Amino acid sequence: MSNTHEPNHEAIETVRDLIKGIDVAMLTTINDQGLVSRPMSTQEVEFDGDLWFITKKDKSVYQELLQNSKVNVAYVDKSYVSIRGEAELVEDRTKVEEFWNRSYEMFFDTTSDDPSLVLIKIKAETAEYWEAGNKTKIVKKLWKKITGNDSDDVGLNKTVELG
């Protein structure tokens, strides 16, 4: 699926700032039974509209992506970010080497030259985020004071098109 829209650079920069420093994301794929989520280590590259992960061909995530490339990636830390996109399986030994570190060696019980290693490249389409921290607490306090409503639904929430 090709996207003819120009990337939204401001939205990409916002998402980049929100997910920066969050090492683990929940990647959701689709299998025959429905949605499946699992923690994945995000590669340390500056977000430009693409997210990168490493897996092996014998993992269920690989098979699921062969069947359906629609995914969602969720980040939770200093903010809450949900990114919807299209995944592509990429076999690129040079890029695997670029991303490889000792924790992968222990997790996958292999080395970076293992031919079963494959990259998951996710082209982000939209992102929804909720800013957390002091700003949200201040907004909630003001909302309660003004309206008398003590709802937890108040927050800074926005959906942006990335591509």
N, C-alpha and C. Protein backbone atom coordinates (compact mmCIF):
# COMPACT_ATOMS: atom_id res chain seq x y z
N MET A 1 0.85 -1.17 0.00
CA MET A 1 0.00 0.00 0.00
C MET A 1 0.89 1.23 0.00
N SER A 2 0.80 2.05 -1.02
CA SER A 2 1.65 3.23 -1.08
C SER A 2 0.86 4.44 -0.59
N ASN A 3 1.57 5.31 0.05
CA ASN A 3 0.95 6.50 0.60
C ASN A 3 1.45 7.70 -0.18
N THR A 4 0.55 8.40 -0.84
CA THR A 4 0.95 9.52 -1.69
C THR A 4 0.96 10.84 -0.93
N HIS A 5 0.55 10.80 0.34
CA HIS A 5 0.54 12.02 1.15
C HIS A 5 1.96 12.37 1.57
N GLU A 6 2.20 13.67 1.69
CA GLU A 6 3.48 14.13 2.21
C GLU A 6 3.53 13.87 3.70
N PRO A 7 4.71 13.53 4.24
CA PRO A 7 4.80 13.32 5.67
C PRO A 7 4.50 14.61 6.43
N ASN A 8 3.85 14.48 7.57
CA ASN A 8 3.55 15.60 8.43
C ASN A 8 4.73 15.76 9.40
N HIS A 9 5.67 16.63 9.04
CA HIS A 9 6.93 16.75 9.79
C HIS A 9 6.71 17.20 11.23
N GLU A 10 5.74 18.08 11.45
CA GLU A 10 5.46 18.55 12.82
C GLU A 10 4.93 17.40 13.68
N ALA A 11 4.03 16.60 13.12
CA ALA A 11 3.47 15.46 13.84
C ALA A 11 4.56 14.42 14.13
N ILE A 12 5.42 14.17 13.15
CA ILE A 12 6.51 13.21 13.33
C ILE A 12 7.44 13.68 14.45
N GLU A 13 7.74 14.97 14.47
CA GLU A 13 8.61 15.52 15.52
C GLU A 13 7.96 15.38 16.90
N THR A 14 6.66 15.61 16.99
CA THR A 14 5.94 15.47 18.25
C THR A 14 6.01 14.02 18.74
N VAL A 15 5.71 13.08 17.86
CA VAL A 15 5.76 11.67 18.22
C VAL A 15 7.18 11.28 18.60
N ARG A 16 8.17 11.75 17.85
CA ARG A 16 9.58 11.47 18.15
C ARG A 16 9.90 11.88 19.59
N ASP A 17 9.47 13.09 19.97
CA ASP A 17 9.73 13.58 21.32
C ASP A 17 9.01 12.74 22.38
N LEU A 18 7.79 12.31 22.08
CA LEU A 18 7.00 11.55 23.05
C LEU A 18 7.54 10.14 23.29
N ILE A 19 8.10 9.49 22.24
CA ILE A 19 8.57 8.11 22.42
C ILE A 19 10.07 8.01 22.69
N LYS A 20 10.77 9.12 22.57
CA LYS A 20 12.23 9.12 22.79
C LYS A 20 12.54 8.60 24.19
N GLY A 21 13.43 7.64 24.25
CA GLY A 21 13.86 7.09 25.53
C GLY A 21 12.99 5.96 26.06
N ILE A 22 11.90 5.64 25.37
CA ILE A 22 11.07 4.50 25.79
C ILE A 22 11.60 3.28 25.04
N ASP A 23 12.23 2.37 25.76
CA ASP A 23 12.94 1.25 25.12
C ASP A 23 12.05 0.12 24.63
N VAL A 24 10.95 -0.11 25.34
CA VAL A 24 10.10 -1.25 25.00
C VAL A 24 8.70 -0.77 24.62
N ALA A 25 8.20 -1.34 23.54
CA ALA A 25 6.85 -1.02 23.07
C ALA A 25 6.06 -2.32 22.99
N MET A 26 4.74 -2.20 22.98
CA MET A 26 3.88 -3.35 22.76
C MET A 26 3.47 -3.34 21.29
N LEU A 27 3.88 -4.37 20.57
CA LEU A 27 3.55 -4.52 19.16
C LEU A 27 2.34 -5.45 19.04
N THR A 28 1.28 -4.96 18.41
CA THR A 28 0.07 -5.74 18.22
C THR A 28 -0.07 -6.14 16.76
N THR A 29 -0.24 -7.44 16.55
CA THR A 29 -0.45 -7.99 15.22
C THR A 29 -1.79 -8.73 15.22
N ILE A 30 -2.11 -9.35 14.10
CA ILE A 30 -3.37 -10.08 13.97
C ILE A 30 -3.06 -11.52 13.55
N ASN A 31 -3.67 -12.48 14.27
CA ASN A 31 -3.57 -13.87 13.84
C ASN A 31 -4.98 -14.43 13.65
N ASP A 32 -5.12 -15.74 13.44
CA ASP A 32 -6.43 -16.35 13.18
C ASP A 32 -7.40 -16.18 14.34
N GLN A 33 -6.89 -16.05 15.56
CA GLN A 33 -7.75 -15.90 16.73
C GLN A 33 -8.09 -14.44 17.03
N GLY A 34 -7.36 -13.50 16.44
CA GLY A 34 -7.61 -12.08 16.69
C GLY A 34 -6.33 -11.31 16.93
N LEU A 35 -6.40 -10.33 17.83
CA LEU A 35 -5.26 -9.46 18.12
C LEU A 35 -4.29 -10.13 19.08
N VAL A 36 -2.98 -9.92 18.84
CA VAL A 36 -1.93 -10.46 19.69
C VAL A 36 -0.92 -9.35 19.96
N SER A 37 -0.61 -9.13 21.24
CA SER A 37 0.37 -8.10 21.61
C SER A 37 1.54 -8.75 22.32
N ARG A 38 2.72 -8.18 22.08
CA ARG A 38 3.91 -8.65 22.76
C ARG A 38 4.89 -7.50 22.90
N PRO A 39 5.71 -7.53 23.98
CA PRO A 39 6.72 -6.48 24.15
C PRO A 39 7.84 -6.66 23.14
N MET A 40 8.28 -5.56 22.58
CA MET A 40 9.39 -5.58 21.62
C MET A 40 10.33 -4.42 21.95
N SER A 41 11.60 -4.66 21.76
CA SER A 41 12.60 -3.62 22.00
C SER A 41 12.72 -2.74 20.76
N THR A 42 12.46 -1.46 20.93
CA THR A 42 12.54 -0.51 19.81
C THR A 42 13.99 -0.20 19.52
N GLN A 43 14.32 -0.12 18.24
CA GLN A 43 15.69 0.21 17.86
C GLN A 43 16.01 1.67 18.15
N GLU A 44 17.22 1.93 18.53
CA GLU A 44 17.63 3.28 18.88
C GLU A 44 17.97 4.08 17.62
N VAL A 45 16.95 4.42 16.88
CA VAL A 45 17.11 5.32 15.75
C VAL A 45 16.09 6.43 15.91
N GLU A 46 16.43 7.59 15.45
CA GLU A 46 15.51 8.71 15.58
C GLU A 46 14.28 8.47 14.72
N PHE A 47 13.11 8.57 15.33
CA PHE A 47 11.86 8.31 14.64
C PHE A 47 11.66 9.31 13.49
N ASP A 48 11.49 8.76 12.29
CA ASP A 48 11.27 9.59 11.10
C ASP A 48 9.98 9.21 10.39
N GLY A 49 9.13 8.48 11.10
CA GLY A 49 7.91 7.95 10.51
C GLY A 49 7.97 6.43 10.43
N ASP A 50 9.16 5.86 10.65
CA ASP A 50 9.35 4.41 10.64
C ASP A 50 9.84 3.95 12.01
N LEU A 51 9.35 2.78 12.42
CA LEU A 51 9.83 2.12 13.63
C LEU A 51 10.49 0.82 13.22
N TRP A 52 11.52 0.40 13.94
CA TRP A 52 12.26 -0.81 13.61
C TRP A 52 12.32 -1.75 14.80
N PHE A 53 12.13 -3.06 14.53
CA PHE A 53 12.25 -4.10 15.54
C PHE A 53 13.00 -5.27 14.90
N ILE A 54 13.54 -6.16 15.75
CA ILE A 54 14.21 -7.37 15.26
C ILE A 54 13.44 -8.58 15.76
N THR A 55 13.31 -9.59 14.91
CA THR A 55 12.72 -10.86 15.32
C THR A 55 13.42 -11.99 14.55
N LYS A 56 12.93 -13.20 14.75
CA LYS A 56 13.43 -14.36 14.01
C LYS A 56 12.28 -14.96 13.22
N LYS A 57 12.63 -15.62 12.16
CA LYS A 57 11.61 -16.22 11.28
C LYS A 57 10.81 -17.32 11.96
N ASP A 58 11.32 -17.91 13.03
CA ASP A 58 10.56 -18.96 13.71
C ASP A 58 9.64 -18.42 14.80
N LYS A 59 9.57 -17.10 14.96
CA LYS A 59 8.68 -16.48 15.95
C LYS A 59 7.30 -16.26 15.35
N SER A 60 6.28 -16.31 16.20
CA SER A 60 4.90 -16.14 15.73
C SER A 60 4.68 -14.78 15.08
N VAL A 61 5.35 -13.75 15.56
CA VAL A 61 5.16 -12.41 14.99
C VAL A 61 5.52 -12.40 13.50
N TYR A 62 6.54 -13.15 13.12
CA TYR A 62 6.95 -13.22 11.72
C TYR A 62 5.81 -13.82 10.87
N GLN A 63 5.27 -14.95 11.32
CA GLN A 63 4.18 -15.61 10.58
C GLN A 63 2.95 -14.72 10.50
N GLU A 64 2.64 -14.04 11.60
CA GLU A 64 1.47 -13.15 11.62
C GLU A 64 1.62 -12.01 10.62
N LEU A 65 2.82 -11.45 10.54
CA LEU A 65 3.06 -10.34 9.61
C LEU A 65 3.04 -10.79 8.15
N LEU A 66 3.38 -12.04 7.90
CA LEU A 66 3.26 -12.58 6.54
C LEU A 66 1.80 -12.62 6.11
N GLN A 67 0.91 -12.87 7.07
CA GLN A 67 -0.53 -12.98 6.79
C GLN A 67 -1.24 -11.63 6.76
N ASN A 68 -0.83 -10.71 7.65
CA ASN A 68 -1.50 -9.42 7.75
C ASN A 68 -0.49 -8.39 8.26
N SER A 69 -0.22 -7.39 7.46
CA SER A 69 0.82 -6.42 7.80
C SER A 69 0.32 -5.23 8.62
N LYS A 70 -0.97 -5.17 8.92
CA LYS A 70 -1.51 -4.07 9.75
C LYS A 70 -1.09 -4.28 11.20
N VAL A 71 -0.55 -3.25 11.83
CA VAL A 71 -0.07 -3.36 13.20
C VAL A 71 -0.41 -2.11 14.01
N ASN A 72 -0.25 -2.25 15.30
CA ASN A 72 -0.32 -1.12 16.22
C ASN A 72 0.85 -1.25 17.19
N VAL A 73 1.46 -0.14 17.52
CA VAL A 73 2.57 -0.12 18.47
C VAL A 73 2.21 0.86 19.58
N ALA A 74 2.27 0.40 20.83
CA ALA A 74 1.91 1.25 21.96
C ALA A 74 3.12 1.48 22.85
N TYR A 75 3.31 2.74 23.24
CA TYR A 75 4.37 3.15 24.16
C TYR A 75 3.74 3.74 25.40
N VAL A 76 4.24 3.34 26.57
CA VAL A 76 3.74 3.88 27.83
C VAL A 76 4.94 4.22 28.70
N ASP A 77 5.03 5.48 29.09
CA ASP A 77 6.08 5.93 30.00
C ASP A 77 5.72 7.33 30.43
N LYS A 78 6.51 8.29 29.98
CA LYS A 78 6.23 9.69 30.31
C LYS A 78 5.01 10.21 29.55
N SER A 79 4.60 9.48 28.55
CA SER A 79 3.39 9.78 27.77
C SER A 79 2.83 8.45 27.29
N TYR A 80 1.66 8.50 26.70
CA TYR A 80 1.02 7.32 26.15
C TYR A 80 0.85 7.55 24.66
N VAL A 81 1.42 6.66 23.85
CA VAL A 81 1.40 6.84 22.40
C VAL A 81 0.98 5.53 21.74
N SER A 82 0.01 5.62 20.83
CA SER A 82 -0.46 4.48 20.07
C SER A 82 -0.25 4.80 18.59
N ILE A 83 0.56 3.98 17.92
CA ILE A 83 0.90 4.22 16.51
C ILE A 83 0.35 3.09 15.66
N ARG A 84 -0.45 3.46 14.66
CA ARG A 84 -1.01 2.48 13.72
C ARG A 84 -0.21 2.56 12.43
N GLY A 85 0.07 1.40 11.85
CA GLY A 85 0.83 1.42 10.61
C GLY A 85 0.85 0.10 9.89
N GLU A 86 1.73 0.05 8.90
CA GLU A 86 1.89 -1.10 8.02
C GLU A 86 3.31 -1.64 8.23
N ALA A 87 3.41 -2.95 8.48
CA ALA A 87 4.71 -3.57 8.72
C ALA A 87 5.26 -4.20 7.45
N GLU A 88 6.56 -4.16 7.36
CA GLU A 88 7.28 -4.80 6.25
C GLU A 88 8.40 -5.63 6.85
N LEU A 89 8.56 -6.86 6.39
CA LEU A 89 9.66 -7.70 6.84
C LEU A 89 10.87 -7.42 5.94
N VAL A 90 11.99 -7.07 6.57
CA VAL A 90 13.18 -6.65 5.83
C VAL A 90 14.36 -7.55 6.18
N GLU A 91 14.93 -8.17 5.16
CA GLU A 91 16.13 -8.98 5.37
C GLU A 91 17.32 -8.16 4.88
N ASP A 92 18.04 -7.58 5.84
CA ASP A 92 19.16 -6.70 5.54
C ASP A 92 20.23 -6.94 6.59
N ARG A 93 21.24 -7.75 6.25
CA ARG A 93 22.30 -8.13 7.19
C ARG A 93 23.01 -6.90 7.76
N THR A 94 23.26 -5.90 6.92
CA THR A 94 23.96 -4.69 7.37
C THR A 94 23.15 -3.96 8.44
N LYS A 95 21.85 -3.85 8.22
CA LYS A 95 20.99 -3.15 9.18
C LYS A 95 20.84 -3.97 10.47
N VAL A 96 20.77 -5.30 10.36
CA VAL A 96 20.73 -6.14 11.56
C VAL A 96 21.99 -5.88 12.39
N GLU A 97 23.14 -5.86 11.75
CA GLU A 97 24.41 -5.58 12.44
C GLU A 97 24.38 -4.21 13.11
N GLU A 98 23.80 -3.23 12.43
CA GLU A 98 23.71 -1.87 12.96
C GLU A 98 22.89 -1.84 14.26
N PHE A 99 21.81 -2.62 14.32
CA PHE A 99 20.93 -2.62 15.48
C PHE A 99 21.35 -3.60 16.57
N TRP A 100 22.18 -4.55 16.24
CA TRP A 100 22.49 -5.66 17.14
C TRP A 100 23.18 -5.20 18.42
N ASN A 101 22.82 -5.84 19.54
CA ASN A 101 23.54 -5.62 20.79
C ASN A 101 23.52 -6.91 21.60
N ARG A 102 24.26 -6.94 22.70
CA ARG A 102 24.44 -8.16 23.51
C ARG A 102 23.11 -8.69 24.06
N SER A 103 22.18 -7.82 24.36
CA SER A 103 20.91 -8.31 24.90
C SER A 103 20.16 -9.16 23.88
N TYR A 104 20.28 -8.84 22.60
CA TYR A 104 19.66 -9.67 21.56
C TYR A 104 20.31 -11.05 21.52
N GLU A 105 21.63 -11.06 21.69
CA GLU A 105 22.35 -12.32 21.67
C GLU A 105 21.81 -13.27 22.74
N MET A 106 21.55 -12.73 23.93
CA MET A 106 21.00 -13.55 25.01
C MET A 106 19.53 -13.90 24.75
N PHE A 107 18.74 -12.93 24.32
CA PHE A 107 17.31 -13.16 24.12
C PHE A 107 17.05 -14.17 23.00
N PHE A 108 17.70 -13.99 21.86
CA PHE A 108 17.48 -14.87 20.71
C PHE A 108 18.36 -16.11 20.74
N ASP A 109 19.34 -16.14 21.66
CA ASP A 109 20.29 -17.24 21.77
C ASP A 109 20.98 -17.51 20.44
N THR A 110 21.49 -16.43 19.85
CA THR A 110 22.17 -16.53 18.56
C THR A 110 23.10 -15.34 18.39
N THR A 111 23.73 -15.27 17.24
CA THR A 111 24.60 -14.14 16.92
C THR A 111 24.00 -13.34 15.76
N SER A 112 24.55 -12.17 15.53
CA SER A 112 23.98 -11.26 14.52
C SER A 112 24.04 -11.79 13.09
N ASP A 113 24.86 -12.80 12.84
CA ASP A 113 24.96 -13.33 11.48
C ASP A 113 23.97 -14.48 11.23
N ASP A 114 23.08 -14.75 12.17
CA ASP A 114 22.07 -15.79 12.03
C ASP A 114 21.13 -15.42 10.86
N PRO A 115 21.03 -16.28 9.84
CA PRO A 115 20.18 -15.96 8.68
C PRO A 115 18.69 -15.93 8.99
N SER A 116 18.28 -16.43 10.16
CA SER A 116 16.85 -16.40 10.49
C SER A 116 16.43 -15.06 11.10
N LEU A 117 17.39 -14.17 11.38
CA LEU A 117 17.04 -12.85 11.92
C LEU A 117 16.43 -11.99 10.81
N VAL A 118 15.39 -11.28 11.16
CA VAL A 118 14.72 -10.42 10.19
C VAL A 118 14.29 -9.14 10.91
N LEU A 119 14.26 -8.06 10.17
CA LEU A 119 13.82 -6.78 10.72
C LEU A 119 12.35 -6.56 10.42
N ILE A 120 11.69 -5.90 11.34
CA ILE A 120 10.32 -5.46 11.12
C ILE A 120 10.38 -3.94 11.01
N LYS A 121 10.03 -3.44 9.83
CA LYS A 121 9.99 -2.00 9.60
C LYS A 121 8.51 -1.60 9.56
N ILE A 122 8.15 -0.68 10.44
CA ILE A 122 6.76 -0.24 10.49
C ILE A 122 6.67 1.19 10.00
N LYS A 123 5.93 1.37 8.94
CA LYS A 123 5.65 2.70 8.40
C LYS A 123 4.43 3.23 9.13
N ALA A 124 4.66 4.21 9.99
CA ALA A 124 3.57 4.77 10.80
C ALA A 124 2.61 5.56 9.92
N GLU A 125 1.32 5.35 10.13
CA GLU A 125 0.28 6.07 9.39
C GLU A 125 -0.38 7.13 10.26
N THR A 126 -0.79 6.74 11.45
CA THR A 126 -1.37 7.70 12.39
C THR A 126 -0.86 7.40 13.79
N ALA A 127 -0.89 8.42 14.62
CA ALA A 127 -0.51 8.25 16.02
C ALA A 127 -1.53 8.99 16.87
N GLU A 128 -1.87 8.37 17.98
CA GLU A 128 -2.72 9.03 18.96
C GLU A 128 -1.91 9.08 20.24
N TYR A 129 -1.95 10.23 20.91
CA TYR A 129 -1.15 10.32 22.14
C TYR A 129 -1.89 11.09 23.21
N TRP A 130 -1.52 10.74 24.41
CA TRP A 130 -2.03 11.38 25.61
C TRP A 130 -0.80 11.81 26.40
N GLU A 131 -0.66 13.09 26.62
CA GLU A 131 0.48 13.57 27.39
C GLU A 131 0.21 13.34 28.86
N ALA A 132 1.20 12.87 29.56
CA ALA A 132 1.08 12.60 30.99
C ALA A 132 1.96 13.58 31.76
N GLY A 133 1.95 13.42 33.04
CA GLY A 133 2.83 14.24 33.87
C GLY A 133 2.13 15.45 34.43
N ASN A 134 2.91 16.45 34.79
CA ASN A 134 2.40 17.63 35.50
C ASN A 134 1.35 18.40 34.71
N LYS A 135 1.53 18.54 33.40
CA LYS A 135 0.55 19.28 32.59
C LYS A 135 -0.84 18.67 32.72
N THR A 136 -0.91 17.35 32.61
CA THR A 136 -2.20 16.68 32.68
C THR A 136 -2.81 16.85 34.06
N LYS A 137 -1.99 16.74 35.11
CA LYS A 137 -2.50 16.92 36.48
C LYS A 137 -3.07 18.32 36.67
N ILE A 138 -2.41 19.32 36.13
CA ILE A 138 -2.88 20.70 36.23
C ILE A 138 -4.21 20.86 35.51
N VAL A 139 -4.31 20.31 34.30
CA VAL A 139 -5.56 20.39 33.53
C VAL A 139 -6.69 19.71 34.30
N LYS A 140 -6.43 18.53 34.87
CA LYS A 140 -7.45 17.81 35.62
C LYS A 140 -7.92 18.63 36.83
N LYS A 141 -6.98 19.24 37.55
CA LYS A 141 -7.34 20.06 38.71
C LYS A 141 -8.21 21.24 38.30
N LEU A 142 -7.81 21.92 37.22
CA LEU A 142 -8.59 23.05 36.72
C LEU A 142 -9.98 22.60 36.28
N TRP A 143 -10.06 21.48 35.58
CA TRP A 143 -11.34 20.94 35.11
C TRP A 143 -12.26 20.66 36.30
N LYS A 144 -11.71 20.05 37.33
CA LYS A 144 -12.52 19.74 38.52
C LYS A 144 -12.99 21.03 39.19
N LYS A 145 -12.11 22.00 39.28
CA LYS A 145 -12.45 23.26 39.94
C LYS A 145 -13.54 24.02 39.16
N ILE A 146 -13.42 24.04 37.85
CA ILE A 146 -14.36 24.78 37.01
C ILE A 146 -15.71 24.08 36.93
N THR A 147 -15.69 22.75 36.75
CA THR A 147 -16.93 22.02 36.47
C THR A 147 -17.45 21.21 37.65
N GLY A 148 -16.60 20.94 38.60
CA GLY A 148 -16.99 20.05 39.68
C GLY A 148 -16.93 18.59 39.25
N ASN A 149 -16.52 18.34 38.02
CA ASN A 149 -16.43 16.99 37.46
C ASN A 149 -15.06 16.42 37.77
N ASP A 150 -15.02 15.25 38.41
CA ASP A 150 -13.75 14.62 38.79
C ASP A 150 -13.41 13.48 37.83
N SER A 151 -13.72 13.63 36.56
CA SER A 151 -13.52 12.58 35.57
C SER A 151 -12.04 12.36 35.26
N ASP A 152 -11.68 11.09 35.08
CA ASP A 152 -10.32 10.76 34.65
C ASP A 152 -10.18 10.85 33.14
N ASP A 153 -11.28 11.18 32.45
CA ASP A 153 -11.25 11.26 30.99
C ASP A 153 -10.59 12.54 30.50
N VAL A 154 -10.31 13.46 31.41
CA VAL A 154 -9.71 14.73 31.01
C VAL A 154 -8.22 14.53 30.83
N GLY A 155 -7.70 14.94 29.71
CA GLY A 155 -6.28 14.84 29.45
C GLY A 155 -5.98 15.51 28.13
N LEU A 156 -4.73 15.58 27.81
CA LEU A 156 -4.33 16.17 26.55
C LEU A 156 -4.20 15.03 25.55
N ASN A 157 -5.19 14.90 24.67
CA ASN A 157 -5.26 13.80 23.73
C ASN A 157 -5.35 14.35 22.33
N LYS A 158 -4.57 13.75 21.41
CA LYS A 158 -4.60 14.22 20.03
C LYS A 158 -4.27 13.06 19.10
N THR A 159 -4.91 13.05 17.95
CA THR A 159 -4.58 12.08 16.90
C THR A 159 -4.00 12.86 15.72
N VAL A 160 -2.88 12.34 15.18
CA VAL A 160 -2.21 13.02 14.07
C VAL A 160 -1.94 12.05 12.94
N GLU A 161 -2.03 12.57 11.73
CA GLU A 161 -1.66 11.80 10.53
C GLU A 161 -0.16 11.98 10.33
N LEU A 162 0.55 10.89 10.12
CA LEU A 162 2.00 10.94 9.99
C LEU A 162 2.47 10.90 8.55
N GLY A 163 1.70 10.30 7.69
CA GLY A 163 2.16 10.16 6.31
C GLY A 163 1.12 10.56 5.32
